[in-house]
PDB file of N, CA and C in Angstrom:
ATOM      1  N   UNK A   1       0.817  -1.205   0.000  1.00  0.00           N
ATOM      2  CA  UNK A   1       0.000   0.000   0.000  1.00  0.00           C
ATOM      3  C   UNK A   1       0.855   1.261   0.000  1.00  0.00           C
ATOM      4  N   UNK A   2       1.969   1.216   0.717  1.00  0.00           N
ATOM      5  CA  UNK A   2       2.799   2.412   0.815  1.00  0.00           C
ATOM      6  C   UNK A   2       3.317   2.822  -0.559  1.00  0.00           C
ATOM      7  N   UNK A   3       3.727   1.843  -1.363  1.00  0.00           N
ATOM      8  CA  UNK A   3       4.247   2.150  -2.687  1.00  0.00           C
ATOM      9  C   UNK A   3       3.162   2.767  -3.560  1.00  0.00           C
ATOM     10  N   UNK A   4       1.954   2.230  -3.476  1.00  0.00           N
ATOM     11  CA  UNK A   4       0.833   2.770  -4.262  1.00  0.00           C
ATOM     12  C   UNK A   4       0.528   4.195  -3.823  1.00  0.00           C
ATOM     13  N   UNK A   5       0.503   4.422  -2.510  1.00  0.00           N
ATOM     14  CA  UNK A   5       0.266   5.781  -2.002  1.00  0.00           C
ATOM     15  C   UNK A   5       1.335   6.745  -2.495  1.00  0.00           C
ATOM     16  N   UNK A   6       2.584   6.303  -2.467  1.00  0.00           N
ATOM     17  CA  UNK A   6       3.673   7.158  -2.938  1.00  0.00           C
ATOM     18  C   UNK A   6       3.540   7.473  -4.428  1.00  0.00           C
ATOM     19  N   UNK A   7       3.147   6.471  -5.204  1.00  0.00           N
ATOM     20  CA  UNK A   7       2.955   6.701  -6.645  1.00  0.00           C
ATOM     21  C   UNK A   7       1.809   7.676  -6.907  1.00  0.00           C
ATOM     22  N   UNK A   8       0.736   7.536  -6.157  1.00  0.00           N
ATOM     23  CA  UNK A   8      -0.394   8.467  -6.295  1.00  0.00           C
ATOM     24  C   UNK A   8       0.032   9.882  -5.926  1.00  0.00           C
ATOM     25  N   UNK A   9       0.787  10.000  -4.832  1.00  0.00           N
ATOM     26  CA  UNK A   9       1.265  11.321  -4.408  1.00  0.00           C
ATOM     27  C   UNK A   9       2.157  11.947  -5.475  1.00  0.00           C
ATOM     28  N   UNK A  10       3.050  11.143  -6.042  1.00  0.00           N
ATOM     29  CA  UNK A  10       3.924  11.666  -7.093  1.00  0.00           C
ATOM     30  C   UNK A  10       3.113  12.125  -8.301  1.00  0.00           C
ATOM     31  N   UNK A  11       2.090  11.377  -8.637  1.00  0.00           N
ATOM     32  CA  UNK A  11       1.242  11.742  -9.773  1.00  0.00           C
ATOM     33  C   UNK A  11       0.511  13.060  -9.503  1.00  0.00           C
ATOM     34  N   UNK A  12      -0.022  13.195  -8.298  1.00  0.00           N
ATOM     35  CA  UNK A  12      -0.718  14.437  -7.931  1.00  0.00           C
ATOM     36  C   UNK A  12       0.236  15.620  -8.012  1.00  0.00           C
ATOM     37  N   UNK A  13       1.448  15.468  -7.433  1.00  0.00           N
ATOM     38  CA  UNK A  13       2.408  16.575  -7.437  1.00  0.00           C
ATOM     39  C   UNK A  13       2.890  16.891  -8.840  1.00  0.00           C
ATOM     40  N   UNK A  14       3.007  15.884  -9.681  1.00  0.00           N
ATOM     41  CA  UNK A  14       3.369  16.121 -11.083  1.00  0.00           C
ATOM     42  C   UNK A  14       2.294  16.916 -11.798  1.00  0.00           C
ATOM     43  N   UNK A  15       1.029  16.539 -11.571  1.00  0.00           N
ATOM     44  CA  UNK A  15      -0.089  17.255 -12.186  1.00  0.00           C
ATOM     45  C   UNK A  15      -0.166  18.697 -11.696  1.00  0.00           C
ATOM     46  N   UNK A  16      -0.008  18.885 -10.402  1.00  0.00           N
ATOM     47  CA  UNK A  16      -0.060  20.241  -9.837  1.00  0.00           C
ATOM     48  C   UNK A  16       1.081  21.085 -10.394  1.00  0.00           C
ATOM     49  N   UNK A  17       2.264  20.500 -10.477  1.00  0.00           N
ATOM     50  CA  UNK A  17       3.422  21.225 -11.007  1.00  0.00           C
ATOM     51  C   UNK A  17       3.187  21.628 -12.459  1.00  0.00           C
ATOM     52  N   UNK A  18       2.657  20.702 -13.239  1.00  0.00           N
ATOM     53  CA  UNK A  18       2.361  20.999 -14.645  1.00  0.00           C
ATOM     54  C   UNK A  18       1.352  22.141 -14.757  1.00  0.00           C
ATOM     55  N   UNK A  19       0.263  22.049 -14.001  1.00  0.00           N
ATOM     56  CA  UNK A  19      -0.762  23.092 -14.062  1.00  0.00           C
ATOM     57  C   UNK A  19      -0.224  24.436 -13.576  1.00  0.00           C
ATOM     58  N   UNK A  20       0.521  24.415 -12.485  1.00  0.00           N
ATOM     59  CA  UNK A  20       1.050  25.664 -11.930  1.00  0.00           C
ATOM     60  C   UNK A  20       2.014  26.332 -12.907  1.00  0.00           C
ATOM     61  N   UNK A  21       2.892  25.542 -13.515  1.00  0.00           N
ATOM     62  CA  UNK A  21       3.846  26.138 -14.457  1.00  0.00           C
ATOM     63  C   UNK A  21       3.149  26.658 -15.706  1.00  0.00           C
ATOM     64  N   UNK A  22       2.128  25.961 -16.167  1.00  0.00           N
ATOM     65  CA  UNK A  22       1.367  26.421 -17.337  1.00  0.00           C
ATOM     66  C   UNK A  22       0.644  27.724 -17.027  1.00  0.00           C
ATOM     67  N   UNK A  23       0.006  27.784 -15.869  1.00  0.00           N
ATOM     68  CA  UNK A  23      -0.707  29.001 -15.459  1.00  0.00           C
ATOM     69  C   UNK A  23       0.272  30.160 -15.320  1.00  0.00           C
ATOM     70  N   UNK A  24       1.419  29.901 -14.692  1.00  0.00           N
ATOM     71  CA  UNK A  24       2.416  30.956 -14.490  1.00  0.00           C
ATOM     72  C   UNK A  24       2.959  31.460 -15.826  1.00  0.00           C
ATOM     73  N   UNK A  25       3.233  30.546 -16.746  1.00  0.00           N
ATOM     74  CA  UNK A  25       3.734  30.926 -18.062  1.00  0.00           C
ATOM     75  C   UNK A  25       2.741  31.834 -18.778  1.00  0.00           C
ATOM     76  N   UNK A  26       1.470  31.435 -18.754  1.00  0.00           N
ATOM     77  CA  UNK A  26       0.436  32.245 -19.411  1.00  0.00           C
ATOM     78  C   UNK A  26       0.231  33.575 -18.695  1.00  0.00           C
ATOM     79  N   UNK A  27       0.307  33.550 -17.376  1.00  0.00           N
ATOM     80  CA  UNK A  27       0.128  34.773 -16.587  1.00  0.00           C
ATOM     81  C   UNK A  27       1.248  35.777 -16.880  1.00  0.00           C
ATOM     82  N   UNK A  28       2.469  35.267 -17.035  1.00  0.00           N
ATOM     83  CA  UNK A  28       3.591  36.157 -17.349  1.00  0.00           C
ATOM     84  C   UNK A  28       3.487  36.747 -18.746  1.00  0.00           C
ATOM     85  N   UNK A  29       2.827  36.045 -19.673  1.00  0.00           N
ATOM     86  CA  UNK A  29       2.611  36.572 -21.022  1.00  0.00           C
ATOM     87  C   UNK A  29       1.568  37.683 -21.006  1.00  0.00           C
ATOM     88  N   UNK A  30       0.453  37.392 -20.319  1.00  0.00           N
ATOM     89  CA  UNK A  30      -0.653  38.355 -20.291  1.00  0.00           C
ATOM     90  C   UNK A  30      -1.359  38.230 -18.950  1.00  0.00           C
ATOM     91  N   UNK A  31      -1.227  39.261 -18.153  1.00  0.00           N
ATOM     92  CA  UNK A  31      -1.820  39.243 -16.814  1.00  0.00           C
ATOM     93  C   UNK A  31      -3.319  39.521 -16.914  1.00  0.00           C
ATOM     94  N   UNK A  32      -4.106  38.515 -16.528  1.00  0.00           N
ATOM     95  CA  UNK A  32      -5.559  38.679 -16.500  1.00  0.00           C
ATOM     96  C   UNK A  32      -6.072  38.239 -15.142  1.00  0.00           C
ATOM     97  N   UNK A  33      -7.242  38.737 -14.809  1.00  0.00           N
ATOM     98  CA  UNK A  33      -7.817  38.360 -13.512  1.00  0.00           C
ATOM     99  C   UNK A  33      -8.177  36.868 -13.504  1.00  0.00           C
ATOM    100  N   UNK A  34      -8.559  36.326 -14.645  1.00  0.00           N
ATOM    101  CA  UNK A  34      -8.899  34.900 -14.715  1.00  0.00           C
ATOM    102  C   UNK A  34      -7.672  34.041 -14.421  1.00  0.00           C
ATOM    103  N   UNK A  35      -6.522  34.385 -15.007  1.00  0.00           N
ATOM    104  CA  UNK A  35      -5.302  33.633 -14.742  1.00  0.00           C
ATOM    105  C   UNK A  35      -4.843  33.815 -13.292  1.00  0.00           C
ATOM    106  N   UNK A  36      -5.060  35.007 -12.751  1.00  0.00           N
ATOM    107  CA  UNK A  36      -4.724  35.239 -11.353  1.00  0.00           C
ATOM    108  C   UNK A  36      -5.590  34.366 -10.446  1.00  0.00           C
ATOM    109  N   UNK A  37      -6.887  34.278 -10.779  1.00  0.00           N
ATOM    110  CA  UNK A  37      -7.791  33.400 -10.021  1.00  0.00           C
ATOM    111  C   UNK A  37      -7.369  31.932 -10.137  1.00  0.00           C
ATOM    112  N   UNK A  38      -6.931  31.543 -11.322  1.00  0.00           N
ATOM    113  CA  UNK A  38      -6.468  30.163 -11.515  1.00  0.00           C
ATOM    114  C   UNK A  38      -5.213  29.902 -10.681  1.00  0.00           C
ATOM    115  N   UNK A  39      -4.304  30.871 -10.627  1.00  0.00           N
ATOM    116  CA  UNK A  39      -3.088  30.720  -9.826  1.00  0.00           C
ATOM    117  C   UNK A  39      -3.450  30.589  -8.344  1.00  0.00           C
ATOM    118  N   UNK A  40      -4.397  31.393  -7.888  1.00  0.00           N
ATOM    119  CA  UNK A  40      -4.843  31.293  -6.495  1.00  0.00           C
ATOM    120  C   UNK A  40      -5.463  29.923  -6.225  1.00  0.00           C
ATOM    121  N   UNK A  41      -6.260  29.437  -7.174  1.00  0.00           N
ATOM    122  CA  UNK A  41      -6.919  28.139  -7.005  1.00  0.00           C
ATOM    123  C   UNK A  41      -5.887  27.005  -6.941  1.00  0.00           C
ATOM    124  N   UNK A  42      -4.887  27.057  -7.811  1.00  0.00           N
ATOM    125  CA  UNK A  42      -3.882  25.987  -7.793  1.00  0.00           C
ATOM    126  C   UNK A  42      -3.053  26.060  -6.516  1.00  0.00           C
ATOM    127  N   UNK A  43      -2.844  27.254  -5.984  1.00  0.00           N
ATOM    128  CA  UNK A  43      -2.133  27.395  -4.702  1.00  0.00           C
ATOM    129  C   UNK A  43      -2.938  26.756  -3.575  1.00  0.00           C
ATOM    130  N   UNK A  44      -4.247  27.026  -3.559  1.00  0.00           N
ATOM    131  CA  UNK A  44      -5.097  26.427  -2.523  1.00  0.00           C
ATOM    132  C   UNK A  44      -5.109  24.902  -2.646  1.00  0.00           C
ATOM    133  N   UNK A  45      -5.172  24.398  -3.881  1.00  0.00           N
ATOM    134  CA  UNK A  45      -5.147  22.949  -4.084  1.00  0.00           C
ATOM    135  C   UNK A  45      -3.827  22.343  -3.592  1.00  0.00           C
ATOM    136  N   UNK A  46      -2.740  23.043  -3.845  1.00  0.00           N
ATOM    137  CA  UNK A  46      -1.432  22.570  -3.400  1.00  0.00           C
ATOM    138  C   UNK A  46      -1.412  22.440  -1.878  1.00  0.00           C
ATOM    139  N   UNK A  47      -1.867  23.487  -1.187  1.00  0.00           N
ATOM    140  CA  UNK A  47      -1.895  23.435   0.270  1.00  0.00           C
ATOM    141  C   UNK A  47      -2.850  22.355   0.770  1.00  0.00           C
ATOM    142  N   UNK A  48      -3.994  22.206   0.101  1.00  0.00           N
ATOM    143  CA  UNK A  48      -4.958  21.171   0.486  1.00  0.00           C
ATOM    144  C   UNK A  48      -4.334  19.778   0.364  1.00  0.00           C
ATOM    145  N   UNK A  49      -3.700  19.496  -0.778  1.00  0.00           N
ATOM    146  CA  UNK A  49      -3.105  18.176  -0.969  1.00  0.00           C
ATOM    147  C   UNK A  49      -1.975  17.920   0.014  1.00  0.00           C
ATOM    148  N   UNK A  50      -1.165  18.943   0.275  1.00  0.00           N
ATOM    149  CA  UNK A  50      -0.082  18.764   1.234  1.00  0.00           C
ATOM    150  C   UNK A  50      -0.632  18.461   2.628  1.00  0.00           C
ATOM    151  N   UNK A  51      -1.663  19.190   3.019  1.00  0.00           N
ATOM    152  CA  UNK A  51      -2.293  18.957   4.324  1.00  0.00           C
ATOM    153  C   UNK A  51      -2.907  17.553   4.385  1.00  0.00           C
ATOM    154  N   UNK A  52      -3.527  17.141   3.314  1.00  0.00           N
ATOM    155  CA  UNK A  52      -4.138  15.814   3.250  1.00  0.00           C
ATOM    156  C   UNK A  52      -3.069  14.723   3.379  1.00  0.00           C
ATOM    157  N   UNK A  53      -1.964  14.882   2.691  1.00  0.00           N
ATOM    158  CA  UNK A  53      -0.875  13.905   2.770  1.00  0.00           C
ATOM    159  C   UNK A  53      -0.302  13.869   4.186  1.00  0.00           C
ATOM    160  N   UNK A  54      -0.107  15.040   4.787  1.00  0.00           N
ATOM    161  CA  UNK A  54       0.399  15.092   6.163  1.00  0.00           C
ATOM    162  C   UNK A  54      -0.567  14.416   7.130  1.00  0.00           C
ATOM    163  N   UNK A  55      -1.858  14.672   6.961  1.00  0.00           N
ATOM    164  CA  UNK A  55      -2.859  14.052   7.842  1.00  0.00           C
ATOM    165  C   UNK A  55      -2.850  12.534   7.712  1.00  0.00           C
ATOM    166  N   UNK A  56      -2.734  12.021   6.483  1.00  0.00           N
ATOM    167  CA  UNK A  56      -2.684  10.573   6.284  1.00  0.00           C
ATOM    168  C   UNK A  56      -1.447   9.979   6.952  1.00  0.00           C
ATOM    169  N   UNK A  57      -0.312  10.640   6.800  1.00  0.00           N
ATOM    170  CA  UNK A  57       0.929  10.149   7.396  1.00  0.00           C
ATOM    171  C   UNK A  57       0.825  10.129   8.924  1.00  0.00           C
ATOM    172  N   UNK A  58       0.286  11.209   9.489  1.00  0.00           N
ATOM    173  CA  UNK A  58       0.159  11.279  10.948  1.00  0.00           C
ATOM    174  C   UNK A  58      -0.874  10.278  11.468  1.00  0.00           C
ATOM    175  N   UNK A  59      -1.949  10.067  10.711  1.00  0.00           N
ATOM    176  CA  UNK A  59      -2.962   9.082  11.092  1.00  0.00           C
ATOM    177  C   UNK A  59      -2.338   7.690  11.148  1.00  0.00           C
ATOM    178  N   UNK A  60      -1.558   7.351  10.116  1.00  0.00           N
ATOM    179  CA  UNK A  60      -0.931   6.032  10.078  1.00  0.00           C
ATOM    180  C   UNK A  60       0.064   5.871  11.230  1.00  0.00           C
ATOM    181  N   UNK A  61       0.800   6.937  11.528  1.00  0.00           N
ATOM    182  CA  UNK A  61       1.758   6.883  12.628  1.00  0.00           C
ATOM    183  C   UNK A  61       1.035   6.707  13.963  1.00  0.00           C
ATOM    184  N   UNK A  62      -0.035   7.471  14.173  1.00  0.00           N
ATOM    185  CA  UNK A  62      -0.796   7.356  15.423  1.00  0.00           C
ATOM    186  C   UNK A  62      -1.399   5.968  15.554  1.00  0.00           C
ATOM    187  N   UNK A  63      -1.951   5.452  14.482  1.00  0.00           N
ATOM    188  CA  UNK A  63      -2.541   4.117  14.501  1.00  0.00           C
ATOM    189  C   UNK A  63      -1.489   3.065  14.851  1.00  0.00           C
ATOM    190  N   UNK A  64      -0.322   3.207  14.275  1.00  0.00           N
ATOM    191  CA  UNK A  64       0.769   2.285  14.576  1.00  0.00           C
ATOM    192  C   UNK A  64       1.164   2.380  16.052  1.00  0.00           C
ATOM    193  N   UNK A  65       1.251   3.603  16.575  1.00  0.00           N
ATOM    194  CA  UNK A  65       1.589   3.794  17.990  1.00  0.00           C
ATOM    195  C   UNK A  65       0.528   3.187  18.897  1.00  0.00           C
ATOM    196  N   UNK A  66      -0.758   3.367  18.551  1.00  0.00           N
ATOM    197  CA  UNK A  66      -1.838   2.795  19.356  1.00  0.00           C
ATOM    198  C   UNK A  66      -1.766   1.274  19.357  1.00  0.00           C
ATOM    199  N   UNK A  67      -1.497   0.692  18.196  1.00  0.00           N
ATOM    200  CA  UNK A  67      -1.394  -0.773  18.107  1.00  0.00           C
ATOM    201  C   UNK A  67      -0.216  -1.280  18.935  1.00  0.00           C
ATOM    202  N   UNK A  68       0.892  -0.579  18.845  1.00  0.00           N
ATOM    203  CA  UNK A  68       2.066  -0.974  19.610  1.00  0.00           C
ATOM    204  C   UNK A  68       1.780  -0.906  21.111  1.00  0.00           C
ATOM    205  N   UNK A  69       1.135   0.163  21.548  1.00  0.00           N
ATOM    206  CA  UNK A  69       0.786   0.295  22.976  1.00  0.00           C
ATOM    207  C   UNK A  69      -0.169  -0.807  23.409  1.00  0.00           C
ATOM    208  N   UNK A  70      -1.155  -1.093  22.570  1.00  0.00           N
ATOM    209  CA  UNK A  70      -2.113  -2.156  22.881  1.00  0.00           C
ATOM    210  C   UNK A  70      -1.406  -3.498  22.985  1.00  0.00           C
ATOM    211  N   UNK A  71      -0.533  -3.781  22.049  1.00  0.00           N
ATOM    212  CA  UNK A  71       0.187  -5.064  22.070  1.00  0.00           C
ATOM    213  C   UNK A  71       1.091  -5.182  23.290  1.00  0.00           C
ATOM    214  N   UNK A  72       1.717  -4.080  23.688  1.00  0.00           N
ATOM    215  CA  UNK A  72       2.544  -4.110  24.898  1.00  0.00           C
ATOM    216  C   UNK A  72       1.684  -4.352  26.125  1.00  0.00           C
ATOM    217  N   UNK A  73       0.501  -3.724  26.175  1.00  0.00           N
ATOM    218  CA  UNK A  73      -0.403  -3.920  27.313  1.00  0.00           C
ATOM    219  C   UNK A  73      -0.877  -5.374  27.377  1.00  0.00           C
ATOM    220  N   UNK A  74      -1.182  -5.947  26.244  1.00  0.00           N
ATOM    221  CA  UNK A  74      -1.603  -7.354  26.201  1.00  0.00           C
ATOM    222  C   UNK A  74      -0.466  -8.255  26.679  1.00  0.00           C
ATOM    223  N   UNK A  75       0.734  -7.964  26.224  1.00  0.00           N
ATOM    224  CA  UNK A  75       1.889  -8.766  26.636  1.00  0.00           C
ATOM    225  C   UNK A  75       2.130  -8.650  28.142  1.00  0.00           C
ATOM    226  N   UNK A  76       2.003  -7.443  28.695  1.00  0.00           N
ATOM    227  CA  UNK A  76       2.155  -7.264  30.150  1.00  0.00           C
ATOM    228  C   UNK A  76       1.072  -8.033  30.900  1.00  0.00           C
ATOM    229  N   UNK A  77      -0.150  -7.994  30.394  1.00  0.00           N
ATOM    230  CA  UNK A  77      -1.249  -8.711  31.047  1.00  0.00           C
ATOM    231  C   UNK A  77      -0.998 -10.221  31.025  1.00  0.00           C
ATOM    232  N   UNK A  78      -0.542 -10.737  29.907  1.00  0.00           N
ATOM    233  CA  UNK A  78      -0.249 -12.174  29.817  1.00  0.00           C
ATOM    234  C   UNK A  78       0.870 -12.565  30.775  1.00  0.00           C
ATOM    235  N   UNK A  79       1.892 -11.726  30.822  1.00  0.00           N
ATOM    236  CA  UNK A  79       3.010 -11.993  31.729  1.00  0.00           C
ATOM    237  C   UNK A  79       2.539 -11.980  33.183  1.00  0.00           C
ATOM    238  N   UNK A  80       1.684 -11.029  33.515  1.00  0.00           N
ATOM    239  CA  UNK A  80       1.147 -10.943  34.879  1.00  0.00           C
ATOM    240  C   UNK A  80       0.288 -12.157  35.204  1.00  0.00           C
ATOM    241  N   UNK A  81      -0.521 -12.609  34.242  1.00  0.00           N
ATOM    242  CA  UNK A  81      -1.347 -13.789  34.467  1.00  0.00           C
ATOM    243  C   UNK A  81      -0.487 -15.026  34.704  1.00  0.00           C
ATOM    244  N   UNK A  82       0.583 -15.164  33.925  1.00  0.00           N
ATOM    245  CA  UNK A  82       1.480 -16.315  34.121  1.00  0.00           C
ATOM    246  C   UNK A  82       2.126 -16.264  35.496  1.00  0.00           C
ATOM    247  N   UNK A  83       2.598 -15.089  35.878  1.00  0.00           N
ATOM    248  CA  UNK A  83       3.232 -14.928  37.194  1.00  0.00           C
ATOM    249  C   UNK A  83       2.222 -15.198  38.305  1.00  0.00           C
ATOM    250  N   UNK A  84       1.004 -14.710  38.131  1.00  0.00           N
ATOM    251  CA  UNK A  84      -0.056 -14.934  39.106  1.00  0.00           C
ATOM    252  C   UNK A  84      -0.351 -16.424  39.247  1.00  0.00           C
ATOM    253  N   UNK A  85      -0.438 -17.117  38.122  1.00  0.00           N
ATOM    254  CA  UNK A  85      -0.701 -18.561  38.146  1.00  0.00           C
ATOM    255  C   UNK A  85       0.451 -19.307  38.821  1.00  0.00           C
ATOM    256  N   UNK A  86       1.661 -18.881  38.525  1.00  0.00           N
ATOM    257  CA  UNK A  86       2.845 -19.500  39.138  1.00  0.00           C
ATOM    258  C   UNK A  86       2.815 -19.323  40.663  1.00  0.00           C
ATOM    259  N   UNK A  87       2.504 -18.119  41.114  1.00  0.00           N
ATOM    260  CA  UNK A  87       2.436 -17.851  42.549  1.00  0.00           C
ATOM    261  C   UNK A  87       1.288 -18.610  43.205  1.00  0.00           C
ATOM    262  N   UNK A  88       0.162 -18.731  42.496  1.00  0.00           N
ATOM    263  CA  UNK A  88      -0.985 -19.473  43.023  1.00  0.00           C
ATOM    264  C   UNK A  88      -0.623 -20.946  43.216  1.00  0.00           C
ATOM    265  N   UNK A  89       0.057 -21.538  42.258  1.00  0.00           N
ATOM    266  CA  UNK A  89       0.485 -22.942  42.376  1.00  0.00           C
ATOM    267  C   UNK A  89       1.500 -23.107  43.497  1.00  0.00           C
ATOM    268  N   UNK A  90       2.396 -22.122  43.592  1.00  0.00           N
ATOM    269  CA  UNK A  90       3.386 -22.157  44.652  1.00  0.00           C
ATOM    270  C   UNK A  90       2.719 -22.070  46.019  1.00  0.00           C
ATOM    271  N   UNK A  91       1.711 -21.229  46.136  1.00  0.00           N
ATOM    272  CA  UNK A  91       0.972 -21.048  47.372  1.00  0.00           C
ATOM    273  C   UNK A  91       0.209 -22.325  47.736  1.00  0.00           C
ATOM    274  N   UNK A  92      -0.389 -22.969  46.743  1.00  0.00           N
ATOM    275  CA  UNK A  92      -1.135 -24.215  46.990  1.00  0.00           C
ATOM    276  C   UNK A  92      -0.190 -25.337  47.444  1.00  0.00           C
ATOM    277  N   UNK A  93       0.966 -25.421  46.839  1.00  0.00           N
ATOM    278  CA  UNK A  93       1.902 -26.486  47.222  1.00  0.00           C
ATOM    279  C   UNK A  93       2.483 -26.235  48.613  1.00  0.00           C
ATOM    280  N   UNK A  94       2.622 -24.974  48.990  1.00  0.00           N
ATOM    281  CA  UNK A  94       3.131 -24.654  50.328  1.00  0.00           C
ATOM    282  C   UNK A  94       2.075 -24.904  51.403  1.00  0.00           C
ATOM    283  N   UNK A  95       0.819 -24.756  51.067  1.00  0.00           N
ATOM    284  CA  UNK A  95      -0.235 -24.936  52.059  1.00  0.00           C
ATOM    285  C   UNK A  95      -0.562 -26.404  52.295  1.00  0.00           C
ATOM    286  N   UNK A  96      -0.125 -27.273  51.439  1.00  0.00           N
ATOM    287  CA  UNK A  96      -0.377 -28.724  51.614  1.00  0.00           C
ATOM    288  C   UNK A  96       0.620 -29.268  52.536  1.00  0.00           C
TER     289      UNK A  96
END
């Protein structure tokens, strides 16, 4: 999945770069309010996509951290149960 996500991200950034450079080239030839609006729109899209990519990365990191914490808690609980069972058997053998 990571490779596919990276390829999609590269494709998006390639498309944005192409559109931005085309808009800028045309804007430098002839400054119009329509081209200025297009430049503003592509800037907003760039920030939106960057924020979206950052959010996905942070979500995956948080999810991984939560899973790791959960797995450690489960492992501690299992270890405690084993120790508890060991002490219980030890206690029973001492009381006989």
